[in-house]
Amino acid sequence: MARLHLPLRPQGPHRSPRTSLDALETEPLSAELFTIGEVGVACLLGYLEFRWPERDWRTGRPSLVAWWAATAARPSLVKTAHRLPAIDPRP
């Protein structure tokens, strides 16, 4: 089981997400062995895409992008992906 080591106190405002994503780029994440660590990373990336789709977290992180592509296709993640509720347009 891989242990994730993320920086606890990045310097400067708004650096924490970028610093953490950069740290995740170097972690040996597994798309097959899905531990609580991988679940947490999947939740983070899924929420980033849902809440802030305009923010580019992929540039400079090819390993994380490849892991997310394989992981996001898992049936459990497809079924539980963040989605806006359907709104009935009728009054």
C-alpha atoms as a PDB file:
ATOM      1  CA  MET A   1       0.000   0.000   0.000  1.00  0.00           C
ATOM      2  CA  ALA A   2       1.397   3.384  -1.017  1.00  0.00           C
ATOM      3  CA  ARG A   3       1.630   6.113   1.596  1.00  0.00           C
ATOM      4  CA  LEU A   4       0.841   9.616   0.471  1.00  0.00           C
ATOM      5  CA  HIS A   5       3.106  12.363   1.793  1.00  0.00           C
ATOM      6  CA  LEU A   6       1.684  15.809   1.160  1.00  0.00           C
ATOM      7  CA  PRO A   7       3.126  19.116   2.339  1.00  0.00           C
ATOM      8  CA  LEU A   8       1.333  20.238   5.475  1.00  0.00           C
ATOM      9  CA  ARG A   9       1.989  23.971   5.285  1.00  0.00           C
ATOM     10  CA  PRO A  10       2.658  25.339   1.821  1.00  0.00           C
ATOM     11  CA  GLN A  11       3.789  28.959   1.697  1.00  0.00           C
ATOM     12  CA  GLY A  12       1.648  31.767   0.298  1.00  0.00           C
ATOM     13  CA  PRO A  13      -2.052  32.196  -0.434  1.00  0.00           C
ATOM     14  CA  HIS A  14      -3.760  29.689  -2.722  1.00  0.00           C
ATOM     15  CA  ARG A  15      -0.649  27.552  -3.044  1.00  0.00           C
ATOM     16  CA  SER A  16      -1.985  24.596  -1.120  1.00  0.00           C
ATOM     17  CA  PRO A  17      -4.008  23.017  -3.965  1.00  0.00           C
ATOM     18  CA  ARG A  18      -1.220  23.460  -6.516  1.00  0.00           C
ATOM     19  CA  THR A  19       1.455  22.269  -4.106  1.00  0.00           C
ATOM     20  CA  SER A  20      -0.603  19.234  -3.144  1.00  0.00           C
ATOM     21  CA  LEU A  21      -1.336  18.360  -6.772  1.00  0.00           C
ATOM     22  CA  ASP A  22       2.372  18.681  -7.569  1.00  0.00           C
ATOM     23  CA  ALA A  23       3.148  16.335  -4.673  1.00  0.00           C
ATOM     24  CA  LEU A  24       0.529  13.851  -5.905  1.00  0.00           C
ATOM     25  CA  GLU A  25       2.243  13.828  -9.307  1.00  0.00           C
ATOM     26  CA  THR A  26       5.196  12.071  -7.678  1.00  0.00           C
ATOM     27  CA  GLU A  27       3.132   9.542  -5.697  1.00  0.00           C
ATOM     28  CA  PRO A  28       2.764   5.937  -6.897  1.00  0.00           C
ATOM     29  CA  LEU A  29      -1.037   5.869  -7.209  1.00  0.00           C
ATOM     30  CA  SER A  30      -2.666   2.620  -8.307  1.00  0.00           C
ATOM     31  CA  ALA A  31      -5.705   2.306 -10.563  1.00  0.00           C
ATOM     32  CA  GLU A  32      -6.031  -1.383  -9.665  1.00  0.00           C
ATOM     33  CA  LEU A  33      -5.417  -1.447  -5.894  1.00  0.00           C
ATOM     34  CA  PHE A  34      -7.907   1.166  -4.723  1.00  0.00           C
ATOM     35  CA  THR A  35      -7.035   2.133  -1.136  1.00  0.00           C
ATOM     36  CA  ILE A  36      -8.467   4.961   0.957  1.00  0.00           C
ATOM     37  CA  GLY A  37      -5.597   7.121  -0.312  1.00  0.00           C
ATOM     38  CA  GLU A  38      -6.633   6.633  -3.930  1.00  0.00           C
ATOM     39  CA  VAL A  39     -10.290   7.194  -2.991  1.00  0.00           C
ATOM     40  CA  GLY A  40      -9.348  10.537  -1.434  1.00  0.00           C
ATOM     41  CA  VAL A  41      -7.356  11.620  -4.491  1.00  0.00           C
ATOM     42  CA  ALA A  42     -10.218  10.560  -6.778  1.00  0.00           C
ATOM     43  CA  CYS A  43     -12.677  12.607  -4.710  1.00  0.00           C
ATOM     44  CA  LEU A  44     -10.377  15.627  -4.889  1.00  0.00           C
ATOM     45  CA  LEU A  45      -9.903  15.454  -8.657  1.00  0.00           C
ATOM     46  CA  GLY A  46     -13.575  14.739  -9.301  1.00  0.00           C
ATOM     47  CA  TYR A  47     -14.578  17.722  -7.188  1.00  0.00           C
ATOM     48  CA  LEU A  48     -12.024  19.981  -8.885  1.00  0.00           C
ATOM     49  CA  GLU A  49     -13.538  19.077 -12.254  1.00  0.00           C
ATOM     50  CA  PHE A  50     -17.082  19.575 -10.980  1.00  0.00           C
ATOM     51  CA  ARG A  51     -16.623  22.780  -9.000  1.00  0.00           C
ATOM     52  CA  TRP A  52     -13.835  24.526 -10.955  1.00  0.00           C
ATOM     53  CA  PRO A  53     -13.750  23.103 -14.499  1.00  0.00           C
ATOM     54  CA  GLU A  54     -11.962  26.236 -15.733  1.00  0.00           C
ATOM     55  CA  ARG A  55      -8.937  25.627 -13.489  1.00  0.00           C
ATOM     56  CA  ASP A  56      -6.197  23.717 -15.231  1.00  0.00           C
ATOM     57  CA  TRP A  57      -4.821  21.156 -12.807  1.00  0.00           C
ATOM     58  CA  ARG A  58      -3.524  18.845 -15.590  1.00  0.00           C
ATOM     59  CA  THR A  59      -0.660  20.888 -17.058  1.00  0.00           C
ATOM     60  CA  GLY A  60       2.675  19.566 -15.875  1.00  0.00           C
ATOM     61  CA  ARG A  61       1.183  16.521 -14.161  1.00  0.00           C
ATOM     62  CA  PRO A  62       1.164  13.715 -16.779  1.00  0.00           C
ATOM     63  CA  SER A  63       1.252  10.868 -14.244  1.00  0.00           C
ATOM     64  CA  LEU A  64      -1.687  12.256 -12.289  1.00  0.00           C
ATOM     65  CA  VAL A  65      -3.626  12.863 -15.525  1.00  0.00           C
ATOM     66  CA  ALA A  66      -3.027   9.273 -16.691  1.00  0.00           C
ATOM     67  CA  TRP A  67      -4.043   7.891 -13.289  1.00  0.00           C
ATOM     68  CA  TRP A  68      -7.210  10.017 -13.267  1.00  0.00           C
ATOM     69  CA  ALA A  69      -8.163   8.916 -16.795  1.00  0.00           C
ATOM     70  CA  ALA A  70      -7.955   5.249 -15.782  1.00  0.00           C
ATOM     71  CA  THR A  71      -9.539   5.774 -12.375  1.00  0.00           C
ATOM     72  CA  ALA A  72     -12.418   8.024 -13.458  1.00  0.00           C
ATOM     73  CA  ALA A  73     -13.629   5.200 -15.725  1.00  0.00           C
ATOM     74  CA  ARG A  74     -14.163   2.851 -12.770  1.00  0.00           C
ATOM     75  CA  PRO A  75     -17.870   1.930 -12.542  1.00  0.00           C
ATOM     76  CA  SER A  76     -18.015   3.036  -8.908  1.00  0.00           C
ATOM     77  CA  LEU A  77     -16.724   6.499  -9.770  1.00  0.00           C
ATOM     78  CA  VAL A  78     -18.893   6.870 -12.861  1.00  0.00           C
ATOM     79  CA  LYS A  79     -21.955   6.029 -10.777  1.00  0.00           C
ATOM     80  CA  THR A  80     -21.063   8.420  -7.943  1.00  0.00           C
ATOM     81  CA  ALA A  81     -19.580  11.337  -9.932  1.00  0.00           C
ATOM     82  CA  HIS A  82     -20.534  14.856  -8.903  1.00  0.00           C
ATOM     83  CA  ARG A  83     -23.513  16.051 -10.931  1.00  0.00           C
ATOM     84  CA  LEU A  84     -25.953  18.905 -10.797  1.00  0.00           C
ATOM     85  CA  PRO A  85     -29.500  17.719 -10.168  1.00  0.00           C
ATOM     86  CA  ALA A  86     -31.796  17.669 -13.161  1.00  0.00           C
ATOM     87  CA  ILE A  87     -34.161  20.624 -13.139  1.00  0.00           C
ATOM     88  CA  ASP A  88     -37.613  20.341 -14.602  1.00  0.00           C
ATOM     89  CA  PRO A  89     -38.086  23.397 -16.867  1.00  0.00           C
ATOM     90  CA  ARG A  90     -41.857  23.280 -16.452  1.00  0.00           C
ATOM     91  CA  PRO A  91     -43.346  25.741 -13.939  1.00  0.00           C
END
